[in-house]
Every structure is written in C-alpha cells, then in structure tokens.
C-alpha atoms as a PDB file:
ATOM      1  CA  MET A   1      91.934  20.056 -14.012  1.00  0.00           C
ATOM      2  CA  ARG A   2      92.557  23.578 -15.238  1.00  0.00           C
ATOM      3  CA  THR A   3      89.672  23.119 -17.662  1.00  0.00           C
ATOM      4  CA  TYR A   4      87.340  22.334 -14.759  1.00  0.00           C
ATOM      5  CA  ARG A   5      88.186  25.441 -12.733  1.00  0.00           C
ATOM      6  CA  PRO A   6      85.941  27.936 -14.583  1.00  0.00           C
ATOM      7  CA  LEU A   7      83.134  25.369 -14.488  1.00  0.00           C
ATOM      8  CA  LEU A   8      83.502  24.483 -10.804  1.00  0.00           C
ATOM      9  CA  ASP A   9      84.418  27.853  -9.269  1.00  0.00           C
ATOM     10  CA  PRO A  10      80.818  29.139  -9.519  1.00  0.00           C
ATOM     11  CA  LEU A  11      79.731  25.994  -7.649  1.00  0.00           C
ATOM     12  CA  GLY A  12      82.304  26.539  -4.909  1.00  0.00           C
ATOM     13  CA  LEU A  13      83.924  23.166  -5.594  1.00  0.00           C
ATOM     14  CA  THR A  14      87.428  21.989  -6.342  1.00  0.00           C
ATOM     15  CA  TYR A  15      87.948  19.133  -8.794  1.00  0.00           C
ATOM     16  CA  PRO A  16      88.467  16.500  -6.034  1.00  0.00           C
ATOM     17  CA  GLN A  17      85.369  17.767  -4.199  1.00  0.00           C
ATOM     18  CA  TYR A  18      83.414  17.541  -7.458  1.00  0.00           C
ATOM     19  CA  LEU A  19      84.457  13.890  -7.834  1.00  0.00           C
ATOM     20  CA  VAL A  20      83.214  13.140  -4.310  1.00  0.00           C
ATOM     21  CA  MET A  21      79.919  14.866  -5.055  1.00  0.00           C
ATOM     22  CA  LEU A  22      79.510  12.941  -8.343  1.00  0.00           C
ATOM     23  CA  VAL A  23      79.747   9.631  -6.500  1.00  0.00           C
ATOM     24  CA  LEU A  24      77.375  10.780  -3.754  1.00  0.00           C
ATOM     25  CA  TRP A  25      74.854  12.053  -6.325  1.00  0.00           C
ATOM     26  CA  GLU A  26      75.031   8.714  -8.118  1.00  0.00           C
ATOM     27  CA  TRP A  27      74.580   6.758  -4.889  1.00  0.00           C
ATOM     28  CA  GLN A  28      71.777   9.033  -3.667  1.00  0.00           C
ATOM     29  CA  ARG A  29      69.500   8.026  -6.539  1.00  0.00           C
ATOM     30  CA  LYS A  30      66.680   5.569  -5.897  1.00  0.00           C
ATOM     31  CA  PRO A  31      67.086   3.646  -3.689  1.00  0.00           C
ATOM     32  CA  PRO A  32      69.282   6.099  -1.797  1.00  0.00           C
ATOM     33  CA  GLN A  33      72.473   4.747  -0.322  1.00  0.00           C
ATOM     34  CA  HIS A  34      74.467   6.298   2.478  1.00  0.00           C
ATOM     35  CA  PRO A  35      77.958   4.921   1.957  1.00  0.00           C
ATOM     36  CA  GLY A  36      80.599   4.698   4.585  1.00  0.00           C
ATOM     37  CA  VAL A  37      83.817   6.624   4.225  1.00  0.00           C
ATOM     38  CA  LYS A  38      85.605   3.361   3.397  1.00  0.00           C
ATOM     39  CA  ALA A  39      83.267   2.526   0.475  1.00  0.00           C
ATOM     40  CA  LEU A  40      83.519   6.077  -0.826  1.00  0.00           C
ATOM     41  CA  GLY A  41      87.319   5.924  -0.673  1.00  0.00           C
ATOM     42  CA  GLU A  42      87.352   2.618  -2.532  1.00  0.00           C
ATOM     43  CA  ARG A  43      85.105   3.987  -5.260  1.00  0.00           C
ATOM     44  CA  LEU A  44      87.258   7.093  -5.681  1.00  0.00           C
ATOM     45  CA  GLN A  45      90.516   5.213  -5.119  1.00  0.00           C
ATOM     46  CA  LEU A  46      91.448   7.620  -2.323  1.00  0.00           C
ATOM     47  CA  ASP A  47      92.817   6.724   1.083  1.00  0.00           C
ATOM     48  CA  SER A  48      91.181   8.082   4.220  1.00  0.00           C
ATOM     49  CA  GLY A  49      93.999  10.600   4.716  1.00  0.00           C
ATOM     50  CA  THR A  50      93.034  12.233   1.419  1.00  0.00           C
ATOM     51  CA  LEU A  51      89.275  11.717   1.582  1.00  0.00           C
ATOM     52  CA  THR A  52      88.664  12.892   5.160  1.00  0.00           C
ATOM     53  CA  PRO A  53      89.805  16.503   4.559  1.00  0.00           C
ATOM     54  CA  LEU A  54      87.680  16.640   1.393  1.00  0.00           C
ATOM     55  CA  LEU A  55      84.630  15.464   3.325  1.00  0.00           C
ATOM     56  CA  LYS A  56      85.312  17.914   6.158  1.00  0.00           C
ATOM     57  CA  ARG A  57      85.414  20.814   3.690  1.00  0.00           C
ATOM     58  CA  LEU A  58      82.221  19.650   1.987  1.00  0.00           C
ATOM     59  CA  GLU A  59      80.598  19.318   5.406  1.00  0.00           C
ATOM     60  CA  ALA A  60      81.744  22.841   6.360  1.00  0.00           C
ATOM     61  CA  GLN A  61      80.092  24.084   3.145  1.00  0.00           C
ATOM     62  CA  GLY A  62      76.872  22.383   4.213  1.00  0.00           C
ATOM     63  CA  LEU A  63      76.843  19.968   1.257  1.00  0.00           C
ATOM     64  CA  VAL A  64      77.311  16.656   3.096  1.00  0.00           C
ATOM     65  CA  GLN A  65      76.977  15.327   6.576  1.00  0.00           C
ATOM     66  CA  ARG A  66      78.941  12.581   8.242  1.00  0.00           C
ATOM     67  CA  GLU A  67      77.254  10.489  10.910  1.00  0.00           C
ATOM     68  CA  ARG A  68      78.312   7.587  13.065  1.00  0.00           C
ATOM     69  CA  VAL A  69      76.756   4.281  12.018  1.00  0.00           C
ATOM     70  CA  LYS A  70      73.884   3.533  14.401  1.00  0.00           C
ATOM     71  CA  GLY A  71      73.768   0.082  15.909  1.00  0.00           C
ATOM     72  CA  GLY A  72      77.035  -0.876  14.268  1.00  0.00           C
ATOM     73  CA  ASP A  73      80.689  -0.068  14.569  1.00  0.00           C
ATOM     74  CA  GLU A  74      80.837   3.360  16.211  1.00  0.00           C
ATOM     75  CA  ARG A  75      84.124   4.071  14.420  1.00  0.00           C
ATOM     76  CA  GLN A  76      82.454   3.979  11.014  1.00  0.00           C
ATOM     77  CA  LEU A  77      80.966   7.076   9.446  1.00  0.00           C
ATOM     78  CA  GLN A  78      78.188   7.268   6.877  1.00  0.00           C
ATOM     79  CA  VAL A  79      78.177  10.110   4.388  1.00  0.00           C
ATOM     80  CA  SER A  80      74.976  11.620   3.035  1.00  0.00           C
ATOM     81  CA  LEU A  81      74.001  14.662   1.037  1.00  0.00           C
ATOM     82  CA  THR A  82      72.268  17.591   2.670  1.00  0.00           C
ATOM     83  CA  ALA A  83      69.449  19.470   0.958  1.00  0.00           C
ATOM     84  CA  ALA A  84      72.053  21.973  -0.277  1.00  0.00           C
ATOM     85  CA  GLY A  85      74.127  19.108  -1.673  1.00  0.00           C
ATOM     86  CA  GLU A  86      71.076  17.808  -3.516  1.00  0.00           C
ATOM     87  CA  ARG A  87      70.325  21.257  -4.959  1.00  0.00           C
ATOM     88  CA  LEU A  88      73.909  21.613  -6.146  1.00  0.00           C
ATOM     89  CA  ARG A  89      73.394  18.584  -8.408  1.00  0.00           C
ATOM     90  CA  GLU A  90      71.079  20.650 -10.615  1.00  0.00           C
ATOM     91  CA  GLN A  91      73.584  23.495 -10.849  1.00  0.00           C
ATOM     92  CA  ALA A  92      76.389  21.057 -11.689  1.00  0.00           C
ATOM     93  CA  GLY A  93      74.353  19.332 -14.389  1.00  0.00           C
ATOM     94  CA  ASP A  94      75.919  21.372 -17.185  1.00  0.00           C
ATOM     95  CA  VAL A  95      79.525  20.631 -16.209  1.00  0.00           C
ATOM     96  CA  PRO A  96      79.924  17.395 -18.254  1.00  0.00           C
ATOM     97  CA  ARG A  97      78.377  18.959 -21.367  1.00  0.00           C
ATOM     98  CA  ALA A  98      80.481  22.114 -21.068  1.00  0.00           C
ATOM     99  CA  LEU A  99      83.616  20.031 -20.574  1.00  0.00           C
ATOM    100  CA  MET A 100      82.838  17.872 -23.599  1.00  0.00           C
ATOM    101  CA  CYS A 101      82.285  20.990 -25.715  1.00  0.00           C
ATOM    102  CA  SER A 102      85.668  22.334 -24.648  1.00  0.00           C
ATOM    103  CA  THR A 103      87.428  19.163 -25.891  1.00  0.00           C
ATOM    104  CA  GLY A 104      86.075  19.341 -29.421  1.00  0.00           C
ATOM    105  CA  MET A 105      85.266  15.614 -29.232  1.00  0.00           C
ATOM    106  CA  SER A 106      81.899  14.170 -30.191  1.00  0.00           C
ATOM    107  CA  LYS A 107      79.769  12.372 -27.632  1.00  0.00           C
ATOM    108  CA  GLU A 108      80.554   9.084 -29.375  1.00  0.00           C
ATOM    109  CA  GLN A 109      84.306   9.723 -29.193  1.00  0.00           C
ATOM    110  CA  VAL A 110      84.058  10.493 -25.488  1.00  0.00           C
ATOM    111  CA  MET A 111      82.055   7.307 -24.883  1.00  0.00           C
ATOM    112  CA  VAL A 112      84.623   5.167 -26.745  1.00  0.00           C
ATOM    113  CA  LEU A 113      87.451   6.795 -24.790  1.00  0.00           C
ATOM    114  CA  ARG A 114      85.654   6.269 -21.482  1.00  0.00           C
ATOM    115  CA  SER A 115      84.960   2.633 -22.302  1.00  0.00           C
ATOM    116  CA  GLY A 116      88.630   2.075 -23.061  1.00  0.00           C
ATOM    117  CA  LEU A 117      89.721   3.805 -19.864  1.00  0.00           C
ATOM    118  CA  ASP A 118      87.227   1.793 -17.792  1.00  0.00           C
ATOM    119  CA  GLN A 119      88.612  -1.417 -19.294  1.00  0.00           C
ATOM    120  CA  LEU A 120      92.174  -0.308 -18.567  1.00  0.00           C
ATOM    121  CA  LEU A 121      91.284   0.423 -14.928  1.00  0.00           C
ATOM    122  CA  ARG A 122      89.615  -2.971 -14.503  1.00  0.00           C
ATOM    123  CA  GLU A 123      92.650  -4.760 -15.894  1.00  0.00           C
ATOM    124  CA  LEU A 124      95.057  -2.777 -13.726  1.00  0.00           C
ATOM    125  CA  GLN A 125      93.033  -3.631 -10.619  1.00  0.00           C
ATOM    126  CA  GLU A 126      93.140  -7.385 -11.280  1.00  0.00           C
END
C-alpha cells in the first residue's frame, strides 16, 4: 500500500477508497449499475462496518452518493458515482500503469500473476 500512496495522494484517495472507486467505475459502465451496499461489500470482501465509513468519507468528498432504494426495502442503500466521481476516473487512469512500472514486471507477468491470484481466491471461496 505504501507504493500506492504517492499515486493516490494527488487524487485525495486512500488505498481502500481507491478499491471502492474501482468497483464503482467498473459497475458504472454501460449499462450503468447502482449497487447496494451489500453487493459492494461482497465484491470487495468487506463487511458493512468497514465499508460504511469508507462510503461516508467518499460521500463527504462529493465522489459518491448513497440513496435509499425506492419502492423496495427502505433499509437498503444504493451507491452511485457523482459527476466528480466520474471525472476522477480519468485522473486515476494512470495509476495501474504507474504501479506496474514501479514493480519492474512486464504486463504479461502481471497478467499471469493476476490470473493465478484470481484462481486462488475462487478456490478459497468454495
């Protein structure tokens, strides 16, 4: 995470906040999805006690908004990006490339490593 700090500080994000934003940016693509807090927590493997403060800080920064689900369970919250959150995606676009450059690994090596880690996670979840 120390490697991320100089890349994320200019964006005003911590590493956990960056992970939340990555998932929201991915889900906001066509067709846009507005996940609930529960779905977001499952994707990030974070419980609500950890995720809620992250979302509150992102909301205070004006990057996301949380809204009660209309016509459904009033206890559920949907999370969506604000215009500022959308704009931040462009600024954050160089983070993965800069991180990869700092490792000294080739793109192919990173892809093989990621594939192996994804497989490990799937097997641990079964």
